[in-house]
Amino acid sequence: FWSNVGRYGSYFFSVLLGTAYTAVKPIGGLLRKPVSAVLTIAALIGLYVFVSSTVTAMLG
């Protein structure tokens, strides 16, 4: 029983790393061309500013 419970940590990190890899892999392809790299970086910065200001407004 405890050996199975101990495996949940490795399952969690495996799913976490797989999700991160799946999310970051397409962005790597967009960063190869200069024009799409600038647009991708601008979109990521805009997303960060949007989420940051939304959370700040929600928390007061």
PDB file of N, CA and C in Angstrom:
ATOM      1  N   PHE A   1       0.825  -1.203   0.000  1.00  0.00           N
ATOM      2  CA  PHE A   1       0.000   0.000   0.000  1.00  0.00           C
ATOM      3  C   PHE A   1       0.862   1.258   0.000  1.00  0.00           C
ATOM      4  N   TRP A   2       1.851   1.312   0.898  1.00  0.00           N
ATOM      5  CA  TRP A   2       2.662   2.530   1.012  1.00  0.00           C
ATOM      6  C   TRP A   2       3.555   2.732  -0.199  1.00  0.00           C
ATOM      7  N   SER A   3       3.955   1.662  -0.844  1.00  0.00           N
ATOM      8  CA  SER A   3       4.768   1.838  -2.051  1.00  0.00           C
ATOM      9  C   SER A   3       3.933   2.462  -3.170  1.00  0.00           C
ATOM     10  N   ASN A   4       2.656   2.088  -3.239  1.00  0.00           N
ATOM     11  CA  ASN A   4       1.779   2.709  -4.234  1.00  0.00           C
ATOM     12  C   ASN A   4       1.512   4.171  -3.905  1.00  0.00           C
ATOM     13  N   VAL A   5       1.333   4.481  -2.625  1.00  0.00           N
ATOM     14  CA  VAL A   5       1.114   5.865  -2.214  1.00  0.00           C
ATOM     15  C   VAL A   5       2.365   6.692  -2.502  1.00  0.00           C
ATOM     16  N   GLY A   6       3.532   6.110  -2.313  1.00  0.00           N
ATOM     17  CA  GLY A   6       4.785   6.811  -2.582  1.00  0.00           C
ATOM     18  C   GLY A   6       4.983   7.141  -4.051  1.00  0.00           C
ATOM     19  N   ARG A   7       4.324   6.410  -4.919  1.00  0.00           N
ATOM     20  CA  ARG A   7       4.458   6.662  -6.355  1.00  0.00           C
ATOM     21  C   ARG A   7       3.673   7.881  -6.820  1.00  0.00           C
ATOM     22  N   TYR A   8       2.730   8.351  -6.034  1.00  0.00           N
ATOM     23  CA  TYR A   8       1.930   9.502  -6.447  1.00  0.00           C
ATOM     24  C   TYR A   8       2.788  10.733  -6.686  1.00  0.00           C
ATOM     25  N   GLY A   9       3.861  10.885  -5.932  1.00  0.00           N
ATOM     26  CA  GLY A   9       4.766  12.012  -6.145  1.00  0.00           C
ATOM     27  C   GLY A   9       5.397  11.970  -7.519  1.00  0.00           C
ATOM     28  N   SER A  10       5.861  10.789  -7.926  1.00  0.00           N
ATOM     29  CA  SER A  10       6.475  10.685  -9.254  1.00  0.00           C
ATOM     30  C   SER A  10       5.424  10.837 -10.349  1.00  0.00           C
ATOM     31  N   TYR A  11       4.215  10.356 -10.132  1.00  0.00           N
ATOM     32  CA  TYR A  11       3.149  10.558 -11.106  1.00  0.00           C
ATOM     33  C   TYR A  11       2.838  12.042 -11.262  1.00  0.00           C
ATOM     34  N   PHE A  12       2.779  12.748 -10.138  1.00  0.00           N
ATOM     35  CA  PHE A  12       2.480  14.176 -10.164  1.00  0.00           C
ATOM     36  C   PHE A  12       3.529  14.935 -10.968  1.00  0.00           C
ATOM     37  N   PHE A  13       4.812  14.691 -10.670  1.00  0.00           N
ATOM     38  CA  PHE A  13       5.865  15.404 -11.388  1.00  0.00           C
ATOM     39  C   PHE A  13       5.924  14.993 -12.849  1.00  0.00           C
ATOM     40  N   SER A  14       5.614  13.748 -13.146  1.00  0.00           N
ATOM     41  CA  SER A  14       5.594  13.294 -14.530  1.00  0.00           C
ATOM     42  C   SER A  14       4.509  14.009 -15.326  1.00  0.00           C
ATOM     43  N   VAL A  15       3.325  14.126 -14.758  1.00  0.00           N
ATOM     44  CA  VAL A  15       2.231  14.833 -15.427  1.00  0.00           C
ATOM     45  C   VAL A  15       2.547  16.317 -15.539  1.00  0.00           C
ATOM     46  N   LEU A  16       3.124  16.897 -14.500  1.00  0.00           N
ATOM     47  CA  LEU A  16       3.479  18.312 -14.507  1.00  0.00           C
ATOM     48  C   LEU A  16       4.512  18.620 -15.588  1.00  0.00           C
ATOM     49  N   LEU A  17       5.563  17.821 -15.679  1.00  0.00           N
ATOM     50  CA  LEU A  17       6.588  18.048 -16.694  1.00  0.00           C
ATOM     51  C   LEU A  17       6.056  17.780 -18.099  1.00  0.00           C
ATOM     52  N   GLY A  18       5.222  16.778 -18.259  1.00  0.00           N
ATOM     53  CA  GLY A  18       4.636  16.508 -19.572  1.00  0.00           C
ATOM     54  C   GLY A  18       3.741  17.634 -20.040  1.00  0.00           C
ATOM     55  N   THR A  19       2.971  18.201 -19.132  1.00  0.00           N
ATOM     56  CA  THR A  19       2.110  19.331 -19.477  1.00  0.00           C
ATOM     57  C   THR A  19       2.940  20.552 -19.840  1.00  0.00           C
ATOM     58  N   ALA A  20       3.986  20.816 -19.067  1.00  0.00           N
ATOM     59  CA  ALA A  20       4.851  21.961 -19.362  1.00  0.00           C
ATOM     60  C   ALA A  20       5.541  21.782 -20.710  1.00  0.00           C
ATOM     61  N   TYR A  21       6.021  20.589 -20.996  1.00  0.00           N
ATOM     62  CA  TYR A  21       6.683  20.321 -22.276  1.00  0.00           C
ATOM     63  C   TYR A  21       5.713  20.497 -23.439  1.00  0.00           C
ATOM     64  N   THR A  22       4.495  20.003 -23.280  1.00  0.00           N
ATOM     65  CA  THR A  22       3.491  20.128 -24.331  1.00  0.00           C
ATOM     66  C   THR A  22       3.103  21.582 -24.555  1.00  0.00           C
ATOM     67  N   ALA A  23       3.110  22.392 -23.506  1.00  0.00           N
ATOM     68  CA  ALA A  23       2.753  23.803 -23.637  1.00  0.00           C
ATOM     69  C   ALA A  23       3.889  24.619 -24.241  1.00  0.00           C
ATOM     70  N   VAL A  24       5.146  24.275 -23.941  1.00  0.00           N
ATOM     71  CA  VAL A  24       6.289  25.084 -24.371  1.00  0.00           C
ATOM     72  C   VAL A  24       6.786  24.684 -25.758  1.00  0.00           C
ATOM     73  N   LYS A  25       6.582  23.466 -26.165  1.00  0.00           N
ATOM     74  CA  LYS A  25       7.102  22.978 -27.447  1.00  0.00           C
ATOM     75  C   LYS A  25       6.625  23.812 -28.638  1.00  0.00           C
ATOM     76  N   PRO A  26       5.350  24.156 -28.787  1.00  0.00           N
ATOM     77  CA  PRO A  26       4.941  24.978 -29.935  1.00  0.00           C
ATOM     78  C   PRO A  26       5.532  26.387 -29.899  1.00  0.00           C
ATOM     79  N   ILE A  27       5.776  26.916 -28.710  1.00  0.00           N
ATOM     80  CA  ILE A  27       6.351  28.257 -28.607  1.00  0.00           C
ATOM     81  C   ILE A  27       7.785  28.248 -29.128  1.00  0.00           C
ATOM     82  N   GLY A  28       8.502  27.158 -28.924  1.00  0.00           N
ATOM     83  CA  GLY A  28       9.863  27.045 -29.447  1.00  0.00           C
ATOM     84  C   GLY A  28       9.899  27.139 -30.961  1.00  0.00           C
ATOM     85  N   GLY A  29       8.907  26.573 -31.624  1.00  0.00           N
ATOM     86  CA  GLY A  29       8.831  26.680 -33.077  1.00  0.00           C
ATOM     87  C   GLY A  29       8.553  28.095 -33.546  1.00  0.00           C
ATOM     88  N   LEU A  30       7.783  28.834 -32.769  1.00  0.00           N
ATOM     89  CA  LEU A  30       7.475  30.218 -33.144  1.00  0.00           C
ATOM     90  C   LEU A  30       8.658  31.153 -32.937  1.00  0.00           C
ATOM     91  N   LEU A  31       9.583  30.789 -32.083  1.00  0.00           N
ATOM     92  CA  LEU A  31      10.720  31.665 -31.797  1.00  0.00           C
ATOM     93  C   LEU A  31      11.850  31.543 -32.818  1.00  0.00           C
ATOM     94  N   ARG A  32      11.710  30.686 -33.800  1.00  0.00           N
ATOM     95  CA  ARG A  32      12.775  30.497 -34.791  1.00  0.00           C
ATOM     96  C   ARG A  32      12.795  31.597 -35.842  1.00  0.00           C
ATOM     97  N   LYS A  33      11.642  32.131 -36.192  1.00  0.00           N
ATOM     98  CA  LYS A  33      11.574  33.208 -37.185  1.00  0.00           C
ATOM     99  C   LYS A  33      11.504  34.539 -36.450  1.00  0.00           C
ATOM    100  N   PRO A  34      12.245  35.551 -36.913  1.00  0.00           N
ATOM    101  CA  PRO A  34      12.301  36.821 -36.172  1.00  0.00           C
ATOM    102  C   PRO A  34      10.951  37.517 -36.012  1.00  0.00           C
ATOM    103  N   VAL A  35      10.151  37.547 -37.053  1.00  0.00           N
ATOM    104  CA  VAL A  35       8.870  38.259 -36.972  1.00  0.00           C
ATOM    105  C   VAL A  35       7.930  37.555 -36.004  1.00  0.00           C
ATOM    106  N   SER A  36       7.816  36.253 -36.133  1.00  0.00           N
ATOM    107  CA  SER A  36       6.931  35.528 -35.220  1.00  0.00           C
ATOM    108  C   SER A  36       7.495  35.514 -33.798  1.00  0.00           C
ATOM    109  N   ALA A  37       8.824  35.596 -33.657  1.00  0.00           N
ATOM    110  CA  ALA A  37       9.419  35.655 -32.319  1.00  0.00           C
ATOM    111  C   ALA A  37       9.034  36.947 -31.616  1.00  0.00           C
ATOM    112  N   VAL A  38       9.078  38.063 -32.331  1.00  0.00           N
ATOM    113  CA  VAL A  38       8.704  39.350 -31.740  1.00  0.00           C
ATOM    114  C   VAL A  38       7.230  39.336 -31.354  1.00  0.00           C
ATOM    115  N   LEU A  39       6.383  38.822 -32.231  1.00  0.00           N
ATOM    116  CA  LEU A  39       4.953  38.763 -31.931  1.00  0.00           C
ATOM    117  C   LEU A  39       4.662  37.814 -30.763  1.00  0.00           C
ATOM    118  N   THR A  40       5.371  36.701 -30.699  1.00  0.00           N
ATOM    119  CA  THR A  40       5.173  35.753 -29.606  1.00  0.00           C
ATOM    120  C   THR A  40       5.590  36.355 -28.272  1.00  0.00           C
ATOM    121  N   ILE A  41       6.735  37.016 -28.255  1.00  0.00           N
ATOM    122  CA  ILE A  41       7.201  37.643 -27.013  1.00  0.00           C
ATOM    123  C   ILE A  41       6.260  38.762 -26.594  1.00  0.00           C
ATOM    124  N   ALA A  42       5.789  39.550 -27.565  1.00  0.00           N
ATOM    125  CA  ALA A  42       4.837  40.620 -27.246  1.00  0.00           C
ATOM    126  C   ALA A  42       3.534  40.040 -26.697  1.00  0.00           C
ATOM    127  N   ALA A  43       3.075  38.937 -27.269  1.00  0.00           N
ATOM    128  CA  ALA A  43       1.845  38.306 -26.785  1.00  0.00           C
ATOM    129  C   ALA A  43       2.028  37.751 -25.373  1.00  0.00           C
ATOM    130  N   LEU A  44       3.184  37.157 -25.093  1.00  0.00           N
ATOM    131  CA  LEU A  44       3.440  36.631 -23.751  1.00  0.00           C
ATOM    132  C   LEU A  44       3.530  37.754 -22.721  1.00  0.00           C
ATOM    133  N   ILE A  45       4.165  38.861 -23.090  1.00  0.00           N
ATOM    134  CA  ILE A  45       4.238  40.009 -22.181  1.00  0.00           C
ATOM    135  C   ILE A  45       2.844  40.586 -21.956  1.00  0.00           C
ATOM    136  N   GLY A  46       2.064  40.709 -23.023  1.00  0.00           N
ATOM    137  CA  GLY A  46       0.693  41.202 -22.890  1.00  0.00           C
ATOM    138  C   GLY A  46      -0.163  40.296 -22.022  1.00  0.00           C
ATOM    139  N   LEU A  47       0.003  38.999 -22.179  1.00  0.00           N
ATOM    140  CA  LEU A  47      -0.737  38.047 -21.346  1.00  0.00           C
ATOM    141  C   LEU A  47      -0.349  38.188 -19.879  1.00  0.00           C
ATOM    142  N   TYR A  48       0.941  38.362 -19.626  1.00  0.00           N
ATOM    143  CA  TYR A  48       1.402  38.549 -18.245  1.00  0.00           C
ATOM    144  C   TYR A  48       0.828  39.824 -17.640  1.00  0.00           C
ATOM    145  N   VAL A  49       0.851  40.918 -18.393  1.00  0.00           N
ATOM    146  CA  VAL A  49       0.319  42.191 -17.890  1.00  0.00           C
ATOM    147  C   VAL A  49      -1.178  42.067 -17.629  1.00  0.00           C
ATOM    148  N   PHE A  50      -1.900  41.417 -18.528  1.00  0.00           N
ATOM    149  CA  PHE A  50      -3.338  41.242 -18.371  1.00  0.00           C
ATOM    150  C   PHE A  50      -3.666  40.427 -17.122  1.00  0.00           C
ATOM    151  N   VAL A  51      -3.000  39.293 -16.954  1.00  0.00           N
ATOM    152  CA  VAL A  51      -3.264  38.441 -15.791  1.00  0.00           C
ATOM    153  C   VAL A  51      -2.847  39.149 -14.506  1.00  0.00           C
ATOM    154  N   SER A  52      -1.713  39.828 -14.543  1.00  0.00           N
ATOM    155  CA  SER A  52      -1.238  40.543 -13.357  1.00  0.00           C
ATOM    156  C   SER A  52      -2.202  41.643 -12.943  1.00  0.00           C
ATOM    157  N   SER A  53      -2.671  42.430 -13.895  1.00  0.00           N
ATOM    158  CA  SER A  53      -3.599  43.511 -13.549  1.00  0.00           C
ATOM    159  C   SER A  53      -4.957  42.961 -13.115  1.00  0.00           C
ATOM    160  N   THR A  54      -5.388  41.855 -13.692  1.00  0.00           N
ATOM    161  CA  THR A  54      -6.647  41.244 -13.288  1.00  0.00           C
ATOM    162  C   THR A  54      -6.571  40.727 -11.852  1.00  0.00           C
ATOM    163  N   VAL A  55      -5.487  40.049 -11.521  1.00  0.00           N
ATOM    164  CA  VAL A  55      -5.328  39.527 -10.160  1.00  0.00           C
ATOM    165  C   VAL A  55      -5.196  40.671  -9.164  1.00  0.00           C
ATOM    166  N   THR A  56      -4.477  41.725  -9.537  1.00  0.00           N
ATOM    167  CA  THR A  56      -4.345  42.883  -8.652  1.00  0.00           C
ATOM    168  C   THR A  56      -5.698  43.538  -8.410  1.00  0.00           C
ATOM    169  N   ALA A  57      -6.507  43.656  -9.453  1.00  0.00           N
ATOM    170  CA  ALA A  57      -7.833  44.252  -9.296  1.00  0.00           C
ATOM    171  C   ALA A  57      -8.746  43.365  -8.446  1.00  0.00           C
ATOM    172  N   MET A  58      -8.606  42.064  -8.581  1.00  0.00           N
ATOM    173  CA  MET A  58      -9.439  41.159  -7.796  1.00  0.00           C
ATOM    174  C   MET A  58      -9.059  41.179  -6.321  1.00  0.00           C
ATOM    175  N   LEU A  59      -7.774  41.313  -6.031  1.00  0.00           N
ATOM    176  CA  LEU A  59      -7.323  41.280  -4.645  1.00  0.00           C
ATOM    177  C   LEU A  59      -7.374  42.645  -3.969  1.00  0.00           C
ATOM    178  N   GLY A  60      -7.486  43.676  -4.765  1.00  0.00           N
ATOM    179  CA  GLY A  60      -7.646  45.017  -4.200  1.00  0.00           C
ATOM    180  C   GLY A  60      -6.415  45.727  -3.878  1.00  0.00           C
TER     181      GLY A  60
END
